[in-house]
Protein backbone atom coordinates (compact mmCIF):
# COMPACT_ATOMS: atom_id res chain seq x y z
CA LEU A 1 -21.53 1.58 -4.46
CA ASN A 2 -21.21 4.07 -1.74
CA PHE A 3 -24.26 6.41 -1.36
CA HIS A 4 -22.79 9.12 -3.60
CA GLU A 5 -21.83 6.61 -6.29
CA ALA A 6 -25.38 5.21 -6.06
CA GLN A 7 -26.84 8.69 -6.72
CA ARG A 8 -24.56 9.11 -9.76
CA ALA A 9 -25.43 5.63 -11.04
CA CYS A 10 -29.15 6.33 -10.87
CA GLU A 11 -28.67 9.67 -12.63
CA GLU A 12 -26.78 7.88 -15.39
CA GLN A 13 -29.91 5.75 -15.90
CA ASP A 14 -32.09 8.90 -16.14
CA ALA A 15 -33.49 8.07 -12.65
CA VAL A 16 -33.07 9.04 -9.03
CA VAL A 17 -32.31 7.00 -5.90
CA ALA A 18 -35.74 5.61 -4.91
CA SER A 19 -37.60 6.66 -1.79
CA PHE A 20 -38.88 4.09 0.74
CA GLU A 21 -42.43 4.73 -0.52
CA GLN A 22 -41.36 3.92 -4.13
CA LEU A 23 -39.59 0.77 -3.08
CA PHE A 24 -42.56 -0.24 -0.96
CA ARG A 25 -44.99 0.30 -3.93
CA ALA A 26 -42.68 -1.81 -6.14
CA TRP A 27 -42.70 -4.53 -3.43
CA GLU A 28 -46.53 -4.43 -3.33
CA GLU A 29 -46.44 -4.96 -7.08
CA GLY A 30 -44.20 -8.10 -6.66
CA LEU A 31 -40.63 -6.84 -6.60
CA ASP A 32 -38.46 -9.56 -5.06
CA TRP A 33 -34.79 -8.62 -4.86
CA CYS A 34 -32.45 -10.26 -2.45
CA ASN A 35 -29.69 -7.60 -2.78
CA ALA A 36 -29.67 -4.69 -0.33
CA GLY A 37 -29.62 -1.27 -1.94
CA TRP A 38 -29.43 2.41 -1.01
CA LEU A 39 -32.61 4.48 -0.74
CA GLN A 40 -33.02 8.26 -0.87
CA ASP A 41 -32.77 8.63 2.92
CA ALA A 42 -29.38 6.85 2.87
CA SER A 43 -30.91 3.77 4.48
CA VAL A 44 -30.22 0.31 3.01
CA GLN A 45 -33.14 -2.04 2.37
CA TYR A 46 -34.40 -4.83 0.11
CA PRO A 47 -37.86 -6.15 -0.90
CA ILE A 48 -38.74 -9.83 -0.46
CA ALA A 49 -41.98 -11.18 -1.89
CA ARG A 50 -41.05 -14.81 -1.20
CA ALA A 51 -39.24 -15.84 2.01
CA ARG A 52 -36.18 -18.01 1.53
CA GLN A 53 -33.01 -18.97 3.30
CA PRO A 54 -30.45 -16.69 1.66
CA CYS A 55 -32.73 -13.64 1.95
CA GLY A 56 -33.14 -13.37 5.74
CA GLY A 57 -34.43 -16.81 6.34
CA LEU A 58 -37.63 -18.80 5.98
CA GLY A 59 -38.99 -17.66 9.39
CA LEU A 60 -39.43 -14.00 8.37
CA ALA A 61 -42.54 -12.84 6.54
CA PRO A 62 -42.26 -11.21 3.13
CA GLY A 63 -41.72 -7.43 3.20
CA VAL A 64 -39.19 -4.67 2.84
CA ARG A 65 -36.18 -5.61 5.01
CA SER A 66 -33.99 -2.84 6.45
CA TYR A 67 -30.31 -2.59 7.40
CA GLY A 68 -31.16 0.97 8.60
CA PRO A 69 -29.04 4.05 7.83
CA ARG A 70 -25.41 3.42 6.68
CA HIS A 71 -22.36 5.55 6.37
CA HIS A 72 -22.51 7.52 3.03
CA ARG A 73 -18.85 6.82 2.05
CA ARG A 74 -17.64 3.70 3.93
CA HIS A 75 -20.46 1.28 3.21
CA ARG A 76 -21.10 -0.22 -0.19
CA TYR A 77 -24.39 -1.65 -1.52
CA ASP A 78 -26.48 -1.77 -4.69
CA ALA A 79 -28.90 1.06 -5.39
CA PHE A 80 -32.64 1.18 -5.97
CA CYS A 81 -33.30 3.68 -8.71
CA PHE A 82 -36.60 5.18 -9.67
CA ALA A 83 -37.62 6.56 -13.07
CA PRO A 84 -41.12 8.20 -13.05
CA ALA A 85 -41.53 8.00 -16.82
CA LEU A 86 -39.76 7.21 -20.11
CA ARG A 87 -39.33 10.21 -22.36
CA GLY A 88 -38.24 8.45 -25.51
CA GLN A 89 -38.78 5.02 -27.03
CA VAL A 90 -36.80 1.81 -26.42
CA TYR A 91 -36.82 -0.66 -29.30
CA TYR A 92 -35.05 -3.77 -30.40
CA LEU A 93 -33.16 -2.93 -33.61
CA GLU A 94 -33.98 -5.51 -36.28
CA LEU A 95 -30.81 -6.59 -38.04
CA PRO A 96 -29.96 -9.69 -40.01
CA GLU A 97 -27.01 -10.69 -37.72
CA LYS A 98 -25.93 -10.51 -34.11
CA LEU A 99 -23.38 -7.83 -33.01
CA THR A 100 -20.42 -7.11 -30.77
CA LEU A 101 -21.01 -4.43 -28.22
CA ALA A 102 -19.13 -1.83 -30.31
CA GLU A 103 -21.15 -2.77 -33.39
CA ALA A 104 -24.33 -2.52 -31.36
CA LYS A 105 -23.49 1.03 -30.28
CA GLU A 106 -22.73 1.98 -33.86
CA ALA A 107 -25.90 0.38 -35.20
CA CYS A 108 -28.09 2.42 -32.88
CA ARG A 109 -26.17 5.58 -33.85
CA GLU A 110 -26.67 4.84 -37.53
CA ASP A 111 -30.36 4.46 -36.83
CA GLY A 112 -30.48 7.94 -35.28
CA ALA A 113 -30.53 6.68 -31.65
CA HIS A 114 -28.29 5.69 -28.80
CA ILE A 115 -27.82 2.21 -27.28
CA ALA A 116 -30.41 1.99 -24.43
CA LYS A 117 -29.41 2.22 -20.74
CA VAL A 118 -30.50 -0.39 -18.28
CA GLY A 119 -32.90 1.96 -16.61
CA GLN A 120 -34.50 2.83 -19.98
CA LEU A 121 -35.13 -0.86 -20.71
CA PHE A 122 -36.66 -1.38 -17.29
CA ALA A 123 -38.87 1.71 -17.74
CA ALA A 124 -39.97 0.52 -21.25
CA TRP A 125 -40.80 -2.84 -19.76
CA LYS A 126 -42.70 -1.44 -16.80
CA PHE A 127 -44.38 1.63 -18.31
CA ARG A 128 -44.77 0.74 -22.01
CA GLY A 129 -45.13 -3.04 -21.82
CA LEU A 130 -42.06 -3.81 -23.91
CA ASP A 131 -42.13 -7.56 -24.44
CA ARG A 132 -39.34 -9.13 -26.53
CA CYS A 133 -37.74 -12.59 -26.16
CA ASP A 134 -34.48 -11.47 -27.80
CA ALA A 135 -31.49 -10.64 -25.78
CA GLY A 136 -29.79 -7.28 -26.70
CA TRP A 137 -26.80 -5.26 -25.67
CA LEU A 138 -27.24 -2.26 -23.38
CA ALA A 139 -24.97 0.70 -22.74
CA ASP A 140 -23.40 -0.73 -19.59
CA GLY A 141 -22.16 -3.77 -21.50
CA SER A 142 -24.87 -6.11 -20.18
CA ALA A 143 -27.21 -8.23 -22.35
CA ARG A 144 -30.90 -8.33 -21.34
CA TYR A 145 -34.41 -8.71 -22.62
CA PRO A 146 -37.85 -7.64 -21.30
CA VAL A 147 -40.74 -10.13 -20.77
CA VAL A 148 -44.29 -8.89 -19.95
CA HIS A 149 -46.05 -12.09 -21.15
CA PRO A 150 -44.01 -15.13 -19.94
CA ARG A 151 -44.01 -18.01 -22.36
CA PRO A 152 -42.10 -21.26 -22.95
CA ASN A 153 -38.44 -20.88 -24.14
CA CYS A 154 -38.36 -17.27 -22.82
CA GLY A 155 -36.95 -17.68 -19.31
CA PRO A 156 -38.85 -18.02 -15.97
CA LEU A 157 -42.62 -18.04 -16.06
CA GLU A 158 -43.00 -14.56 -14.49
CA PRO A 159 -42.69 -11.15 -15.94
CA GLY A 160 -39.36 -9.32 -15.70
CA VAL A 161 -36.21 -8.17 -17.36
CA ARG A 162 -33.95 -11.14 -17.91
CA SER A 163 -30.17 -10.74 -17.77
CA PHE A 164 -27.25 -12.57 -19.34
CA GLY A 165 -24.83 -10.51 -17.20
CA PHE A 166 -21.86 -8.91 -18.80
CA PRO A 167 -20.70 -11.12 -21.72
CA ASP A 168 -17.48 -10.72 -23.57
CA PRO A 169 -18.04 -7.46 -25.54
CA GLN A 170 -16.62 -9.20 -28.65
CA SER A 171 -19.31 -11.86 -28.50
CA ARG A 172 -21.71 -11.95 -31.45
CA LYS A 173 -24.57 -13.62 -29.59
CA TYR A 174 -26.85 -10.60 -29.10
CA GLY A 175 -28.85 -7.93 -30.86
CA VAL A 176 -29.28 -4.39 -29.39
CA TYR A 177 -31.86 -2.25 -27.71
CA CYS A 178 -31.83 1.34 -28.86
CA TYR A 179 -33.29 4.51 -27.32
């Protein structure tokens, strides 16, 4: 994304582009993300909790790495978004069978809700302790699940939001997270 697209992408997730202070606080809490992203001041940075070769090398200490300011329109990076709170509730909709993406959106609507956005799932995980070892569709077409208490058969042994990427929307392998 260019900087303006990053701002829009964060707004679509009910968030804003994060400040350096917000990213630094997240790094202090263990955020380890090897992809560079835009910050509020139009700089591009990324937090590393564990030094490794593809993320700046083994010789550099953990920390928030900076590419410095970048051109707002020409350069393209990910975005670090910040949501200060979650206004509603994110929940995994209990259904007897798995759904396609279109069916998942409709199921949330029939339940009086909307399919959850990625930022809403992250906020529910971070602020409300949402912990569910069931992958579900999200509004952007990705399939993810939140883990607060790691356990066997539920992904890596650290807390986080797990991702299955962007599966075929006709796949019937996932449930749905509603908001």
